């Protein structure tokens, strides 16, 4: 098996996209000299691998920029797709693929690797799947050998088809669906897609091949919904197929209950009538990799949801250790689990150390800086339904350790002088965190306070929005009073000395 040497120059077109960013990380880890094609290079500035790659500013519709980007490249990945980007997106996709093909030929590229969509070409394919196949045909019309991988639903945060399914299941305990709910599909985990993409890199046996990839089992969309509900701890969903529900009506319906715009939902829904199942496993002869089943893939995606505040919003250091199934900075804002948040930021002349001390002293006998009676009512209600309430207090009035109980919270993470994160243990229709990040600045300290809630189903969302009127009396005053207490704590010694 002729695998690439570490010096292999690889180009990734679509590097700022859902799969592109993950793939770049995998290529860098494999030692490939990687170049990213990006219309807006600044979008990649926050990536941990940014200093290890070259960035080529360009666009697949700009042939001159493609010629510049292809110089010295041996393998070129094509992960570009215009679905949902307005009228004539299929024509733009064909033109972009032709430009990429011709630039690769002019540069003497050895291989183009393209990720397309599953679907039997002998059947009436949806516009979305037909376009995916047309792009592959356009790329193969050139002289550079093409390795085309074809996949169905990709399970991972940010994958539009999976996110659409996830939001439907979380929001609707009862749903009426068209008959496509019984269509068979072979979903694949995003980490398995990445393994196959890297596996065919500079692999001559894959040149000119169309390789179908999928997970280890075949399910219907109904079964995917049921598996998601089970793994997310949701009550069993009632799914009622109806014989008449046009794609247009379906896309409008999806637009009402999910954050996915109808312009993107419509071509995706059109595709759901096509059975997308692997018909041959030739890929197994070329790449030694065993893909996971649908349930395991969903479990891994949900594990990331459980740690969402850690891996995507709260701790930059933890981003570097994420798995390929974790959300990336370029994922849509609606990806990776619904997170509802209240964020407050205040500045103070007090030192970071003083602010940290005040945060560490919250709760217990001292109580909370704002809305104390509301905290009391919440604790009473929690006890009434069998929860822990506020009765547990805290181990030490001033010191916190990871794992400590603090009223109906538990200390989940600490960075001395910089960060405190609490995880709620009261009875909730979801999961909640409260975190403070303390940052030293030139003229004082900034305190960022973040309350986050991952709702479980429709009731979880209703719970959050029902409490929104009370948040204004709790969270904003809390951040302000923490800062004020820190200032007072630093003034107190000087006052005593003056006395």
Protein backbone atom coordinates (compact mmCIF):
# COMPACT_ATOMS: atom_id res chain seq x y z
CA UNK A 1 0.00 0.00 0.00
CA UNK A 2 1.67 3.20 -1.24
CA UNK A 3 0.86 5.67 1.52
CA UNK A 4 2.09 9.27 1.35
CA UNK A 5 5.39 10.35 2.80
CA UNK A 6 5.21 13.11 5.39
CA UNK A 7 6.46 15.55 2.75
CA UNK A 8 3.39 15.02 0.54
CA UNK A 9 1.81 18.38 -0.31
CA UNK A 10 -1.98 18.14 0.08
CA UNK A 11 -4.58 20.77 -0.82
CA UNK A 12 -7.97 20.89 0.90
CA UNK A 13 -10.67 22.85 -0.91
CA UNK A 14 -13.48 23.54 1.53
CA UNK A 15 -11.11 23.79 4.51
CA UNK A 16 -13.39 26.19 6.39
CA UNK A 17 -16.36 23.84 6.16
CA UNK A 18 -17.86 21.15 8.33
CA UNK A 19 -15.67 18.24 7.22
CA UNK A 20 -12.82 20.32 5.84
CA UNK A 21 -11.59 21.58 9.20
CA UNK A 22 -11.66 18.12 10.68
CA UNK A 23 -9.83 16.68 7.72
CA UNK A 24 -7.10 19.30 7.92
CA UNK A 25 -6.51 18.37 11.55
CA UNK A 26 -6.21 14.69 10.59
CA UNK A 27 -3.79 15.46 7.75
CA UNK A 28 -1.60 17.62 9.96
CA UNK A 29 -1.55 14.85 12.58
CA UNK A 30 -0.47 12.40 9.86
CA UNK A 31 2.46 14.66 8.98
CA UNK A 32 1.19 15.84 5.59
CA UNK A 33 2.26 19.27 4.36
CA UNK A 34 -1.20 20.75 4.11
CA UNK A 35 -2.46 23.78 2.23
CA UNK A 36 -5.98 25.13 2.79
CA UNK A 37 -7.96 26.89 0.09
CA UNK A 38 -10.21 29.50 1.71
CA UNK A 39 -12.13 32.51 0.47
CA UNK A 40 -11.73 34.08 3.91
CA UNK A 41 -8.44 32.87 5.44
CA UNK A 42 -9.17 34.68 8.73
CA UNK A 43 -11.85 32.05 9.46
CA UNK A 44 -9.04 29.60 10.19
CA UNK A 45 -7.09 31.83 12.58
CA UNK A 46 -8.49 30.17 15.69
CA UNK A 47 -7.49 26.64 14.73
CA UNK A 48 -4.84 24.85 16.78
CA UNK A 49 -3.13 23.74 13.57
CA UNK A 50 -3.14 27.19 11.94
CA UNK A 51 0.63 27.68 12.18
CA UNK A 52 1.29 24.22 10.73
CA UNK A 53 -0.49 24.76 7.40
CA UNK A 54 -0.32 27.09 4.45
CA UNK A 55 -3.37 29.15 3.59
CA UNK A 56 -4.14 29.95 -0.02
CA UNK A 57 -6.70 32.71 -0.47
CA UNK A 58 -8.96 31.72 -3.33
CA UNK A 59 -12.24 30.41 -4.64
CA UNK A 60 -13.12 27.36 -6.72
CA UNK A 61 -14.99 29.70 -9.08
CA UNK A 62 -11.80 31.75 -9.60
CA UNK A 63 -9.54 29.72 -11.89
CA UNK A 64 -6.51 31.98 -11.39
CA UNK A 65 -6.55 31.53 -7.62
CA UNK A 66 -6.92 27.78 -8.11
CA UNK A 67 -3.81 27.65 -10.33
CA UNK A 68 -1.83 29.42 -7.60
CA UNK A 69 -3.15 27.16 -4.89
CA UNK A 70 -2.35 23.96 -6.83
CA UNK A 71 1.38 24.66 -7.27
CA UNK A 72 3.42 21.79 -5.88
CA UNK A 73 0.34 19.84 -4.77
CA UNK A 74 0.31 16.05 -5.11
CA UNK A 75 -3.18 15.27 -3.75
CA UNK A 76 -6.20 17.61 -3.83
CA UNK A 77 -9.29 17.08 -1.68
CA UNK A 78 -12.55 18.50 -3.02
CA UNK A 79 -15.08 19.10 -0.22
CA UNK A 80 -17.04 21.97 -1.75
CA UNK A 81 -20.81 22.04 -2.10
CA UNK A 82 -23.22 24.90 -2.91
CA UNK A 83 -26.46 23.30 -1.65
CA UNK A 84 -28.90 25.85 -0.31
CA UNK A 85 -26.90 28.83 -1.63
CA UNK A 86 -29.59 30.21 -3.89
CA UNK A 87 -30.80 29.64 -7.42
CA UNK A 88 -28.63 27.72 -9.93
CA UNK A 89 -26.48 26.14 -7.25
CA UNK A 90 -26.20 22.96 -9.35
CA UNK A 91 -24.69 24.93 -12.24
CA UNK A 92 -22.22 26.60 -9.88
CA UNK A 93 -21.21 23.22 -8.52
CA UNK A 94 -20.51 21.91 -12.02
CA UNK A 95 -18.46 24.98 -12.94
CA UNK A 96 -16.49 24.85 -9.70
CA UNK A 97 -15.69 21.17 -10.22
CA UNK A 98 -14.56 21.84 -13.80
CA UNK A 99 -12.28 24.64 -12.62
CA UNK A 100 -10.79 22.42 -9.93
CA UNK A 101 -10.27 19.54 -12.37
CA UNK A 102 -8.49 21.74 -14.93
CA UNK A 103 -6.27 23.47 -12.35
CA UNK A 104 -5.26 20.09 -10.92
CA UNK A 105 -4.35 18.85 -14.39
CA UNK A 106 -2.26 21.94 -15.15
CA UNK A 107 -0.37 21.51 -11.86
CA UNK A 108 0.36 17.83 -12.44
CA UNK A 109 -1.60 16.66 -9.39
CA UNK A 110 -1.49 12.89 -8.82
CA UNK A 111 -4.96 12.40 -7.32
CA UNK A 112 -8.23 14.20 -6.60
CA UNK A 113 -10.24 12.90 -3.63
CA UNK A 114 -13.91 13.85 -3.64
CA UNK A 115 -16.68 13.16 -1.12
CA UNK A 116 -20.06 12.78 -2.78
CA UNK A 117 -23.41 11.25 -1.90
CA UNK A 118 -24.78 7.72 -1.99
CA UNK A 119 -27.66 6.87 -4.28
CA UNK A 120 -28.40 4.47 -7.14
CA UNK A 121 -27.77 6.31 -10.41
CA UNK A 122 -30.31 4.04 -12.07
CA UNK A 123 -33.14 5.53 -10.04
CA UNK A 124 -34.79 8.95 -10.04
CA UNK A 125 -32.38 10.79 -7.78
CA UNK A 126 -33.25 14.00 -5.97
CA UNK A 127 -31.64 17.22 -7.30
CA UNK A 128 -29.24 17.17 -4.34
CA UNK A 129 -27.97 13.63 -4.96
CA UNK A 130 -28.00 14.10 -8.74
CA UNK A 131 -25.79 17.17 -8.31
CA UNK A 132 -23.40 15.22 -6.08
CA UNK A 133 -23.04 12.60 -8.82
CA UNK A 134 -22.64 15.24 -11.53
CA UNK A 135 -19.76 16.82 -9.64
CA UNK A 136 -18.03 13.44 -9.52
CA UNK A 137 -18.58 12.97 -13.26
CA UNK A 138 -17.19 16.45 -13.96
CA UNK A 139 -14.06 15.77 -11.95
CA UNK A 140 -13.54 12.39 -13.65
CA UNK A 141 -13.75 13.98 -17.09
CA UNK A 142 -10.18 15.27 -16.65
CA UNK A 143 -6.81 13.54 -16.78
CA UNK A 144 -6.16 13.49 -13.02
CA UNK A 145 -7.30 10.22 -11.38
CA UNK A 146 -10.27 10.75 -9.06
CA UNK A 147 -11.14 8.77 -5.95
CA UNK A 148 -14.80 9.39 -5.19
CA UNK A 149 -16.20 8.38 -1.83
CA UNK A 150 -19.98 8.31 -1.53
CA UNK A 151 -21.67 8.60 1.85
CA UNK A 152 -25.23 8.99 3.16
CA UNK A 153 -26.15 10.76 6.41
CA UNK A 154 -23.02 11.82 8.29
CA UNK A 155 -23.55 11.65 12.06
CA UNK A 156 -21.71 14.43 13.82
CA UNK A 157 -22.27 17.93 15.08
CA UNK A 158 -22.90 20.35 12.24
CA UNK A 159 -23.93 17.78 9.64
CA UNK A 160 -27.07 19.42 8.28
CA UNK A 161 -29.05 16.22 7.74
CA UNK A 162 -28.22 14.89 11.20
CA UNK A 163 -28.89 18.25 12.85
CA UNK A 164 -32.27 18.40 11.15
CA UNK A 165 -33.16 14.99 12.51
CA UNK A 166 -31.84 15.84 15.98
CA UNK A 167 -33.86 19.03 16.30
CA UNK A 168 -37.03 17.31 15.11
CA UNK A 169 -36.66 14.56 17.70
CA UNK A 170 -35.79 16.92 20.57
CA UNK A 171 -38.58 19.40 19.90
CA UNK A 172 -41.50 17.21 18.84
CA UNK A 173 -42.79 14.38 21.06
CA UNK A 174 -45.40 13.69 18.36
CA UNK A 175 -44.65 14.28 14.71
CA UNK A 176 -46.41 13.68 11.42
CA UNK A 177 -43.98 12.82 8.65
CA UNK A 178 -44.14 11.92 4.97
CA UNK A 179 -43.59 8.33 3.94
CA UNK A 180 -39.83 8.92 3.64
CA UNK A 181 -39.65 8.12 7.35
CA UNK A 182 -39.55 4.45 6.29
CA UNK A 183 -36.75 4.96 3.74
CA UNK A 184 -33.65 2.88 4.43
CA UNK A 185 -30.38 4.69 5.02
CA UNK A 186 -26.84 3.68 6.02
CA UNK A 187 -25.57 6.51 8.22
CA UNK A 188 -21.87 6.91 8.94
CA UNK A 189 -20.03 8.59 11.81
CA UNK A 190 -17.94 11.61 10.88
CA UNK A 191 -14.83 9.98 12.31
CA UNK A 192 -15.35 7.01 9.96
CA UNK A 193 -15.65 9.36 6.98
CA UNK A 194 -12.36 10.97 7.99
CA UNK A 195 -10.67 7.58 8.34
CA UNK A 196 -11.70 6.67 4.80
CA UNK A 197 -10.68 10.04 3.35
CA UNK A 198 -7.21 9.78 4.86
CA UNK A 199 -7.04 6.07 4.02
CA UNK A 200 -7.33 6.61 0.25
CA UNK A 201 -4.80 9.45 0.23
CA UNK A 202 -2.19 8.71 -2.44
CA UNK A 203 -3.42 5.12 -2.69
CA UNK A 204 -3.05 4.07 -6.38
CA UNK A 205 -5.51 1.19 -6.01
CA UNK A 206 -8.21 3.78 -5.30
CA UNK A 207 -7.53 5.90 -8.38
CA UNK A 208 -10.52 6.06 -10.71
CA UNK A 209 -12.75 4.26 -8.19
CA UNK A 210 -16.19 5.13 -6.84
CA UNK A 211 -16.16 3.81 -3.28
CA UNK A 212 -19.35 3.61 -1.23
CA UNK A 213 -18.89 4.13 2.51
CA UNK A 214 -21.36 3.66 5.33
CA UNK A 215 -21.69 2.54 8.90
CA UNK A 216 -22.03 -1.09 9.91
CA UNK A 217 -25.84 -1.19 9.91
CA UNK A 218 -28.81 -0.12 7.80
CA UNK A 219 -31.74 1.66 9.47
CA UNK A 220 -34.80 3.66 8.46
CA UNK A 221 -35.16 7.33 9.31
CA UNK A 222 -37.83 6.31 11.83
CA UNK A 223 -35.33 3.99 13.52
CA UNK A 224 -32.72 6.75 13.58
CA UNK A 225 -35.20 9.02 15.33
CA UNK A 226 -36.07 6.31 17.85
CA UNK A 227 -32.40 5.57 18.55
CA UNK A 228 -31.69 9.26 19.07
CA UNK A 229 -34.59 9.60 21.49
CA UNK A 230 -33.43 6.56 23.48
CA UNK A 231 -29.82 7.71 23.70
CA UNK A 232 -30.83 11.28 24.59
CA UNK A 233 -33.04 10.05 27.43
CA UNK A 234 -36.21 11.37 25.78
CA UNK A 235 -39.63 9.70 26.05
CA UNK A 236 -40.53 7.48 23.13
CA UNK A 237 -41.48 9.64 20.13
CA UNK A 238 -44.79 9.05 18.36
CA UNK A 239 -44.20 9.17 14.60
CA UNK A 240 -47.25 9.27 12.34
CA UNK A 241 -46.49 8.91 8.61
CA UNK A 242 -49.00 10.64 6.34
CA UNK A 243 -49.43 9.89 2.63
CA UNK A 244 -49.52 13.50 1.45
CA UNK A 245 -46.94 16.06 2.54
CA UNK A 246 -45.10 17.77 -0.29
CA UNK A 247 -41.36 18.58 -0.08
CA UNK A 248 -42.20 22.28 -0.03
CA UNK A 249 -44.59 21.89 2.90
CA UNK A 250 -42.10 19.59 4.61
CA UNK A 251 -39.29 22.13 4.26
CA UNK A 252 -41.49 24.91 5.67
CA UNK A 253 -42.47 22.63 8.55
CA UNK A 254 -38.81 21.81 9.23
CA UNK A 255 -38.03 25.52 9.11
CA UNK A 256 -40.59 26.16 11.85
CA UNK A 257 -39.29 23.58 14.33
CA UNK A 258 -35.56 23.52 13.54
CA UNK A 259 -32.99 26.26 12.92
CA UNK A 260 -32.24 24.91 9.42
CA UNK A 261 -33.41 27.37 6.75
CA UNK A 262 -35.95 26.10 4.19
CA UNK A 263 -33.45 26.81 1.37
CA UNK A 264 -31.23 24.10 2.83
CA UNK A 265 -34.01 21.89 4.19
CA UNK A 266 -35.80 21.58 0.82
CA UNK A 267 -33.00 19.81 -1.12
CA UNK A 268 -32.23 17.63 1.89
CA UNK A 269 -35.87 16.59 2.28
CA UNK A 270 -36.12 15.89 -1.44
CA UNK A 271 -33.25 13.41 -0.97
CA UNK A 272 -34.96 11.51 1.83
CA UNK A 273 -37.14 9.59 -0.63
CA UNK A 274 -34.01 7.96 -2.11
CA UNK A 275 -32.72 4.83 -0.44
CA UNK A 276 -29.05 5.43 0.32
CA UNK A 277 -27.49 2.09 1.18
CA UNK A 278 -24.03 0.75 0.35
CA UNK A 279 -24.32 -1.77 -2.49
CA UNK A 280 -20.68 -2.89 -2.46
CA UNK A 281 -17.89 -2.73 0.14
CA UNK A 282 -14.90 -2.46 -2.17
CA UNK A 283 -13.54 0.13 0.24
CA UNK A 284 -12.88 -2.71 2.71
CA UNK A 285 -10.31 -4.18 0.30
CA UNK A 286 -8.41 -0.90 0.20
CA UNK A 287 -8.68 0.67 3.66
CA UNK A 288 -8.40 -1.39 6.84
CA UNK A 289 -11.05 0.29 8.94
CA UNK A 290 -14.14 -1.00 10.71
CA UNK A 291 -16.94 1.62 10.85
CA UNK A 292 -19.24 1.87 13.85
CA UNK A 293 -22.98 1.31 13.90
CA UNK A 294 -25.64 4.02 14.03
CA UNK A 295 -26.29 3.77 17.77
CA UNK A 296 -22.59 4.07 18.66
CA UNK A 297 -22.20 7.05 16.35
CA UNK A 298 -25.14 8.80 18.01
CA UNK A 299 -23.78 7.95 21.46
CA UNK A 300 -20.45 9.58 20.60
CA UNK A 301 -22.17 12.68 19.24
CA UNK A 302 -24.31 12.94 22.36
CA UNK A 303 -21.29 12.53 24.61
CA UNK A 304 -20.01 15.73 23.05
CA UNK A 305 -23.38 17.38 23.72
CA UNK A 306 -23.08 16.47 27.39
CA UNK A 307 -19.73 18.28 27.55
CA UNK A 308 -20.72 21.05 25.16
CA UNK A 309 -19.93 23.92 27.50
CA UNK A 310 -16.44 22.49 27.96
CA UNK A 311 -15.50 21.58 24.44
CA UNK A 312 -16.92 24.35 22.33
CA UNK A 313 -17.80 27.40 24.34
CA UNK A 314 -15.97 27.48 27.60
CA UNK A 315 -12.41 26.17 27.60
CA UNK A 316 -10.17 26.85 24.66
CA UNK A 317 -7.50 24.49 25.96
CA UNK A 318 -9.95 21.61 25.85
CA UNK A 319 -10.77 22.29 22.21
CA UNK A 320 -7.41 20.84 21.19
CA UNK A 321 -8.33 17.45 22.57
CA UNK A 322 -11.70 17.10 20.89
CA UNK A 323 -12.67 14.10 18.84
CA UNK A 324 -13.66 14.36 15.17
CA UNK A 325 -17.30 14.14 16.26
CA UNK A 326 -16.99 17.31 18.31
CA UNK A 327 -18.26 20.62 16.98
CA UNK A 328 -15.81 22.96 15.31
CA UNK A 329 -15.76 26.77 15.31
CA UNK A 330 -17.10 26.87 11.74
CA UNK A 331 -20.07 24.65 12.44
CA UNK A 332 -23.45 26.35 12.14
CA UNK A 333 -24.58 28.11 15.30
CA UNK A 334 -27.41 25.59 15.57
CA UNK A 335 -25.10 22.55 15.63
CA UNK A 336 -23.98 20.34 18.44
CA UNK A 337 -26.93 20.39 20.79
CA UNK A 338 -29.33 23.14 21.71
CA UNK A 339 -27.71 25.36 24.33
CA UNK A 340 -29.64 28.23 25.87
CA UNK A 341 -27.51 30.81 27.60
CA UNK A 342 -27.38 33.93 29.72
CA UNK A 343 -24.03 35.69 29.46
CA UNK A 344 -22.92 38.67 31.52
CA UNK A 345 -19.64 40.56 31.51
CA UNK A 346 -18.51 43.23 33.99
CA UNK A 347 -15.25 45.07 34.60
CA UNK A 348 -13.82 46.03 37.97
CA UNK A 349 -10.75 47.74 39.42
CA UNK A 350 -10.34 44.83 41.82
CA UNK A 351 -7.59 42.30 41.21
CA UNK A 352 -8.27 38.97 39.55
CA UNK A 353 -7.29 37.28 42.80
CA UNK A 354 -9.93 39.21 44.75
CA UNK A 355 -12.66 38.40 42.21
CA UNK A 356 -11.69 34.72 42.28
CA UNK A 357 -11.91 34.67 46.09
CA UNK A 358 -15.42 36.13 46.01
CA UNK A 359 -16.60 33.58 43.43
CA UNK A 360 -15.13 30.74 45.49
CA UNK A 361 -17.05 31.98 48.55
CA UNK A 362 -20.54 31.92 47.00
CA UNK A 363 -23.36 29.81 48.39
CA UNK A 364 -23.60 27.92 51.62
CA UNK A 365 -24.22 30.06 54.70
CA UNK A 366 -23.26 33.22 52.78
CA UNK A 367 -26.01 32.65 50.23
CA UNK A 368 -26.04 34.11 46.75
CA UNK A 369 -25.41 37.77 45.83
CA UNK A 370 -28.76 38.33 44.08
CA UNK A 371 -32.27 36.94 44.16
CA UNK A 372 -31.63 35.03 47.37
CA UNK A 373 -35.33 34.45 47.93
CA UNK A 374 -35.63 33.04 44.40
CA UNK A 375 -32.73 30.65 45.06
CA UNK A 376 -34.58 29.63 48.23
CA UNK A 377 -37.82 28.97 46.37
CA UNK A 378 -35.94 26.98 43.73
CA UNK A 379 -34.30 24.90 46.44
CA UNK A 380 -37.64 24.25 48.13
CA UNK A 381 -39.24 23.19 44.83
CA UNK A 382 -36.32 20.89 44.13
CA UNK A 383 -36.72 19.16 47.48
CA UNK A 384 -40.47 18.85 46.87
CA UNK A 385 -39.83 16.71 43.78
CA UNK A 386 -37.12 14.61 45.40
CA UNK A 387 -34.11 16.74 44.56
CA UNK A 388 -31.20 17.80 46.76
CA UNK A 389 -32.34 21.40 47.31
CA UNK A 390 -30.08 23.89 49.05
CA UNK A 391 -29.66 21.84 52.22
CA UNK A 392 -26.23 20.41 51.35
CA UNK A 393 -24.40 23.72 51.78
CA UNK A 394 -20.65 23.47 51.18
CA UNK A 395 -17.57 21.77 52.65
CA UNK A 396 -15.55 24.94 53.38
CA UNK A 397 -16.76 28.56 53.45
CA UNK A 398 -13.89 29.87 51.31
CA UNK A 399 -12.14 27.03 49.49
CA UNK A 400 -13.40 24.98 46.55
CA UNK A 401 -12.09 21.76 45.09
CA UNK A 402 -13.20 19.88 41.98
CA UNK A 403 -15.99 17.54 43.06
CA UNK A 404 -17.12 19.70 45.99
CA UNK A 405 -20.85 20.10 46.65
CA UNK A 406 -22.10 23.68 46.66
CA UNK A 407 -25.81 23.78 47.53
CA UNK A 408 -27.51 22.13 44.53
CA UNK A 409 -24.39 22.52 42.37
CA UNK A 410 -21.20 20.50 42.13
CA UNK A 411 -17.80 21.95 41.25
CA UNK A 412 -16.96 20.54 37.85
CA UNK A 413 -13.82 22.49 36.93
CA UNK A 414 -11.38 24.90 38.53
CA UNK A 415 -8.47 26.92 37.22
CA UNK A 416 -6.95 28.69 40.20
CA UNK A 417 -7.39 32.43 39.87
CA UNK A 418 -9.10 32.16 36.49
CA UNK A 419 -12.13 29.88 36.24
CA UNK A 420 -14.86 28.21 38.30
CA UNK A 421 -17.49 26.00 36.68
CA UNK A 422 -20.46 24.47 38.51
CA UNK A 423 -22.76 21.76 37.21
CA UNK A 424 -26.35 21.67 38.43
CA UNK A 425 -27.59 18.66 40.42
CA UNK A 426 -31.13 19.88 41.04
CA UNK A 427 -34.04 18.23 39.23
CA UNK A 428 -34.16 19.74 35.74
CA UNK A 429 -35.59 18.92 32.31
CA UNK A 430 -32.06 19.15 30.95
CA UNK A 431 -28.55 19.96 32.15
CA UNK A 432 -27.24 23.28 33.47
CA UNK A 433 -23.90 24.90 34.18
CA UNK A 434 -22.86 28.16 35.82
CA UNK A 435 -19.35 29.40 35.12
CA UNK A 436 -17.20 32.42 35.89
CA UNK A 437 -14.09 33.31 33.88
CA UNK A 438 -11.79 35.91 35.44
CA UNK A 439 -9.39 37.73 33.13
CA UNK A 440 -6.73 40.19 34.23
CA UNK A 441 -6.64 43.37 32.12
CA UNK A 442 -4.41 46.46 32.01
CA UNK A 443 -6.77 48.57 34.11
CA UNK A 444 -8.33 45.88 36.30
CA UNK A 445 -10.24 42.64 35.83
CA UNK A 446 -13.02 41.39 33.55
CA UNK A 447 -15.53 38.88 34.91
CA UNK A 448 -17.46 36.80 32.38
CA UNK A 449 -20.39 34.93 33.88
CA UNK A 450 -22.09 32.25 31.79
CA UNK A 451 -25.23 30.33 32.68
CA UNK A 452 -25.92 27.58 30.15
CA UNK A 453 -28.77 25.12 29.82
CA UNK A 454 -29.05 22.09 27.54
CA UNK A 455 -32.82 21.40 27.43
CA UNK A 456 -34.25 17.91 27.16
CA UNK A 457 -37.10 17.93 24.71
CA UNK A 458 -39.92 20.44 24.40
CA UNK A 459 -40.49 20.68 28.17
CA UNK A 460 -36.87 21.66 28.69
CA UNK A 461 -37.23 24.60 26.34
CA UNK A 462 -40.51 25.64 27.98
CA UNK A 463 -38.79 25.53 31.38
CA UNK A 464 -36.00 27.88 30.27
CA UNK A 465 -38.29 30.41 28.63
CA UNK A 466 -40.68 30.38 31.58
CA UNK A 467 -37.79 31.45 33.83
CA UNK A 468 -36.43 34.16 31.52
CA UNK A 469 -38.30 37.00 33.31
CA UNK A 470 -36.57 36.02 36.56
CA UNK A 471 -33.08 35.87 35.01
CA UNK A 472 -32.85 39.66 34.88
CA UNK A 473 -33.18 39.76 38.67
CA UNK A 474 -30.59 37.02 39.20
CA UNK A 475 -27.75 36.83 36.70
CA UNK A 476 -26.91 40.44 35.82
CA UNK A 477 -27.03 41.66 39.45
CA UNK A 478 -25.01 38.60 40.50
CA UNK A 479 -22.08 39.49 38.23
CA UNK A 480 -22.21 43.13 39.29
CA UNK A 481 -22.28 42.31 43.01
CA UNK A 482 -19.43 39.82 42.73
CA UNK A 483 -17.31 42.62 41.24
CA UNK A 484 -18.46 45.07 43.93
CA UNK A 485 -17.66 42.61 46.73
CA UNK A 486 -14.19 42.10 45.29
CA UNK A 487 -13.56 45.85 45.34
CA UNK A 488 -14.77 46.13 48.93
CA UNK A 489 -12.61 43.19 50.01
CA UNK A 490 -9.51 44.98 48.74
CA UNK A 491 -10.46 48.29 50.33
CA UNK A 492 -11.23 46.79 53.74
CA UNK A 493 -7.61 46.30 54.91
CA UNK A 494 -6.72 49.91 54.01
CA UNK A 495 -9.80 51.18 55.84
CA UNK A 496 -8.86 49.19 58.94
CA UNK A 497 -5.30 50.52 58.83
CA UNK A 498 -6.64 54.08 58.56
CA UNK A 499 -8.85 53.50 61.54
